[in-house]
Structure formats: structure tokens, C-alpha cells
Protein backbone atom coordinates (compact mmCIF):
# COMPACT_ATOMS: atom_id res chain seq x y z
CA MET A 1 -107.26 -73.18 -150.33
CA PHE A 2 -108.07 -75.72 -153.00
CA VAL A 3 -109.91 -78.96 -152.30
CA TRP A 4 -110.61 -81.59 -154.90
CA HIS A 5 -110.94 -85.34 -155.25
CA GLY A 6 -109.96 -88.01 -157.71
CA ASN A 7 -106.98 -90.20 -158.50
CA TYR A 8 -104.68 -87.45 -159.87
CA TYR A 9 -103.68 -89.61 -162.83
CA ALA A 10 -102.37 -92.29 -160.46
CA SER A 11 -105.20 -94.75 -161.04
CA GLN A 12 -103.00 -97.84 -160.67
CA ILE A 13 -102.02 -96.81 -157.15
CA THR A 14 -105.54 -95.84 -156.11
CA GLU A 15 -106.85 -99.12 -157.51
CA GLN A 16 -104.24 -101.08 -155.53
CA LEU A 17 -105.18 -99.14 -152.40
CA GLY A 18 -108.85 -99.95 -152.97
CA LEU A 19 -109.80 -96.28 -153.34
CA GLU A 20 -111.50 -96.45 -156.73
CA PRO A 21 -113.86 -95.26 -158.03
CA ASP A 22 -113.95 -92.39 -155.51
CA GLY A 23 -110.23 -91.67 -155.23
CA MET A 24 -108.77 -89.39 -152.56
CA VAL A 25 -109.29 -85.88 -151.26
CA ARG A 26 -106.45 -83.41 -151.80
CA ILE A 27 -106.12 -80.08 -150.01
CA GLY A 28 -103.74 -77.38 -151.15
CA LEU A 29 -102.92 -74.42 -148.97
CA VAL A 30 -101.34 -71.36 -150.53
CA HIS A 31 -99.59 -68.26 -149.28
CA TYR A 32 -102.76 -66.16 -149.11
CA ASN A 33 -104.70 -68.50 -146.81
CA THR A 34 -105.31 -66.93 -143.44
CA MET A 35 -104.49 -68.51 -140.11
CA GLU A 36 -108.23 -68.59 -139.42
CA GLU A 37 -108.73 -70.80 -142.50
CA VAL A 38 -105.87 -73.08 -141.50
CA ASN A 39 -107.17 -73.38 -137.94
CA ARG A 40 -110.66 -74.15 -139.26
CA LEU A 41 -109.24 -76.93 -141.43
CA LEU A 42 -107.28 -78.36 -138.48
CA HIS A 43 -110.41 -78.23 -136.33
CA VAL A 44 -112.34 -80.21 -138.96
CA PHE A 45 -109.56 -82.80 -139.10
CA ALA A 46 -109.67 -83.14 -135.32
CA GLN A 47 -113.40 -83.91 -135.58
CA LEU A 48 -112.82 -86.88 -137.89
């Protein structure tokens, strides 16, 4: 699982959305992530 933040070279959009200078968080799951990792991520989202 990859997690990073920024504007992903879409600064005009993030500026219009009022998300600068922090940008957004992006999470990328891949084929080797376990179900435990996915469930942990979903649990964290449910806490927000």
C-alpha cells in the first residue's frame, strides 16, 4: 500500500478546490496487500 500527499501535478484543480498548499492524500492498493491491511484501512476510514 502506498500513501502520499500533494497535488499530483494538478495544482490548478487543487487551488480551485481550496486544497493548497497541503493538497490531497492518495492511497494506492496493490495486488500484494493482504485483506488484513485492507480491513485496517477501512476501519480507519470508518473512524473519520
